[in-house]
Amino acid sequence: KVISKRHVRRDWLIIPDAIAFYLYESVNKVSPKAGQFLAEVVQTPVILDTRNFLIEKTTKISVSAEQMMEKVTGLWKKKEEVPTQQ
């Protein structure tokens, strides 16, 4: 579920999520019991809370970085539009 929505997510945890998903898939192919254990561990409240906290904070940072880039780009364009005085 998490991996399938990565195209709309702004946070930086997409790559670790993808790695975790492929790791789970590999372990699950070798040993379904070990795969089930990993799936249960990931669903513990401590891990879920930590992951949600990181997602929230990285999303805020990403949005701030996008806004800053828009402002810098806007300043750059305004500077180009101002004719130079001779």
C-alpha atoms as a PDB file:
ATOM      1  CA  LYS A   1       0.000   0.000   0.000  1.00  0.00           C
ATOM      2  CA  VAL A   2       2.726   2.449   0.943  1.00  0.00           C
ATOM      3  CA  ILE A   3       4.848   1.687  -2.100  1.00  0.00           C
ATOM      4  CA  SER A   4       1.938   1.931  -4.535  1.00  0.00           C
ATOM      5  CA  LYS A   5       1.294   5.534  -3.436  1.00  0.00           C
ATOM      6  CA  ARG A   6       4.897   6.712  -3.755  1.00  0.00           C
ATOM      7  CA  HIS A   7       4.157   8.833  -6.806  1.00  0.00           C
ATOM      8  CA  VAL A   8       2.036  11.211  -4.713  1.00  0.00           C
ATOM      9  CA  ARG A   9       4.195  11.299  -1.596  1.00  0.00           C
ATOM     10  CA  ARG A  10       6.506  14.227  -0.966  1.00  0.00           C
ATOM     11  CA  ASP A  11       8.600  12.817   1.838  1.00  0.00           C
ATOM     12  CA  TRP A  12      12.087  11.354   1.627  1.00  0.00           C
ATOM     13  CA  LEU A  13      11.103   7.949   3.011  1.00  0.00           C
ATOM     14  CA  ILE A  14      10.118   6.629  -0.402  1.00  0.00           C
ATOM     15  CA  ILE A  15      13.524   5.046  -0.950  1.00  0.00           C
ATOM     16  CA  PRO A  16      13.716   3.317   2.462  1.00  0.00           C
ATOM     17  CA  ASP A  17      10.125   2.117   1.985  1.00  0.00           C
ATOM     18  CA  ALA A  18      11.032   0.633  -1.374  1.00  0.00           C
ATOM     19  CA  ILE A  19      14.111  -1.064   0.066  1.00  0.00           C
ATOM     20  CA  ALA A  20      12.076  -2.444   2.970  1.00  0.00           C
ATOM     21  CA  PHE A  21       9.427  -3.733   0.571  1.00  0.00           C
ATOM     22  CA  TYR A  22      11.954  -5.543  -1.620  1.00  0.00           C
ATOM     23  CA  LEU A  23      13.710  -6.922   1.461  1.00  0.00           C
ATOM     24  CA  TYR A  24      10.393  -8.225   2.763  1.00  0.00           C
ATOM     25  CA  GLU A  25       9.576  -9.783  -0.612  1.00  0.00           C
ATOM     26  CA  SER A  26      12.963 -11.515  -0.728  1.00  0.00           C
ATOM     27  CA  VAL A  27      12.697 -12.840   2.827  1.00  0.00           C
ATOM     28  CA  ASN A  28       9.102 -13.917   2.268  1.00  0.00           C
ATOM     29  CA  LYS A  29      10.096 -15.962  -0.805  1.00  0.00           C
ATOM     30  CA  VAL A  30      12.754 -17.822   1.184  1.00  0.00           C
ATOM     31  CA  SER A  31      10.769 -18.209   4.406  1.00  0.00           C
ATOM     32  CA  PRO A  32       7.118 -17.186   4.677  1.00  0.00           C
ATOM     33  CA  LYS A  33       7.344 -17.451   8.483  1.00  0.00           C
ATOM     34  CA  ALA A  34      10.215 -14.976   8.581  1.00  0.00           C
ATOM     35  CA  GLY A  35       8.304 -12.737   6.186  1.00  0.00           C
ATOM     36  CA  GLN A  36       5.276 -12.834   8.463  1.00  0.00           C
ATOM     37  CA  PHE A  37       7.488 -11.969  11.442  1.00  0.00           C
ATOM     38  CA  LEU A  38       8.891  -8.938   9.587  1.00  0.00           C
ATOM     39  CA  ALA A  39       5.389  -7.823   8.620  1.00  0.00           C
ATOM     40  CA  GLU A  40       4.274  -8.039  12.260  1.00  0.00           C
ATOM     41  CA  VAL A  41       7.338  -6.187  13.551  1.00  0.00           C
ATOM     42  CA  VAL A  42       6.757  -3.306  11.136  1.00  0.00           C
ATOM     43  CA  GLN A  43       3.199  -2.944  12.449  1.00  0.00           C
ATOM     44  CA  THR A  44       4.266  -2.397  16.078  1.00  0.00           C
ATOM     45  CA  PRO A  45       3.201   0.955  17.538  1.00  0.00           C
ATOM     46  CA  VAL A  46       6.777   2.098  18.193  1.00  0.00           C
ATOM     47  CA  ILE A  47       7.821   1.636  14.580  1.00  0.00           C
ATOM     48  CA  LEU A  48       4.584   3.059  13.182  1.00  0.00           C
ATOM     49  CA  ASP A  49       4.783   6.147  15.418  1.00  0.00           C
ATOM     50  CA  THR A  50       8.426   6.747  14.527  1.00  0.00           C
ATOM     51  CA  ARG A  51       7.757   6.312  10.829  1.00  0.00           C
ATOM     52  CA  ASN A  52       4.735   8.632  10.906  1.00  0.00           C
ATOM     53  CA  PHE A  53       6.745  11.261  12.789  1.00  0.00           C
ATOM     54  CA  LEU A  54       9.528  11.098  10.205  1.00  0.00           C
ATOM     55  CA  ILE A  55       7.043  11.302   7.341  1.00  0.00           C
ATOM     56  CA  GLU A  56       5.398  14.362   8.862  1.00  0.00           C
ATOM     57  CA  LYS A  57       8.674  16.197   9.435  1.00  0.00           C
ATOM     58  CA  THR A  58      10.246  15.362   6.075  1.00  0.00           C
ATOM     59  CA  THR A  59       7.063  16.410   4.297  1.00  0.00           C
ATOM     60  CA  LYS A  60       7.217  19.803   6.024  1.00  0.00           C
ATOM     61  CA  ILE A  61      10.866  20.172   5.018  1.00  0.00           C
ATOM     62  CA  SER A  62      10.067  19.226   1.415  1.00  0.00           C
ATOM     63  CA  VAL A  63       7.229  21.756   1.205  1.00  0.00           C
ATOM     64  CA  SER A  64       9.453  24.475   2.692  1.00  0.00           C
ATOM     65  CA  ALA A  65      12.227  23.661   0.214  1.00  0.00           C
ATOM     66  CA  GLU A  66       9.758  23.835  -2.699  1.00  0.00           C
ATOM     67  CA  GLN A  67       8.444  27.196  -1.496  1.00  0.00           C
ATOM     68  CA  MET A  68      11.968  28.544  -1.123  1.00  0.00           C
ATOM     69  CA  MET A  69      12.872  27.401  -4.642  1.00  0.00           C
ATOM     70  CA  GLU A  70       9.751  29.106  -6.006  1.00  0.00           C
ATOM     71  CA  LYS A  71      10.741  32.353  -4.275  1.00  0.00           C
ATOM     72  CA  VAL A  72      14.320  32.162  -5.525  1.00  0.00           C
ATOM     73  CA  THR A  73      13.110  31.412  -9.055  1.00  0.00           C
ATOM     74  CA  GLY A  74      10.658  34.312  -8.815  1.00  0.00           C
ATOM     75  CA  LEU A  75      13.420  36.685  -7.715  1.00  0.00           C
ATOM     76  CA  TRP A  76      15.632  35.478 -10.532  1.00  0.00           C
ATOM     77  CA  LYS A  77      12.899  36.091 -13.110  1.00  0.00           C
ATOM     78  CA  LYS A  78      12.136  39.550 -11.698  1.00  0.00           C
ATOM     79  CA  LYS A  79      15.800  40.446 -11.900  1.00  0.00           C
ATOM     80  CA  GLU A  80      15.915  39.382 -15.561  1.00  0.00           C
ATOM     81  CA  GLU A  81      12.818  41.477 -16.378  1.00  0.00           C
ATOM     82  CA  VAL A  82      14.241  44.708 -14.965  1.00  0.00           C
ATOM     83  CA  PRO A  83      15.954  46.567 -17.809  1.00  0.00           C
ATOM     84  CA  THR A  84      19.458  47.708 -17.116  1.00  0.00           C
ATOM     85  CA  GLN A  85      19.929  51.459 -16.977  1.00  0.00           C
ATOM     86  CA  GLN A  86      22.611  52.968 -19.189  1.00  0.00           C
END
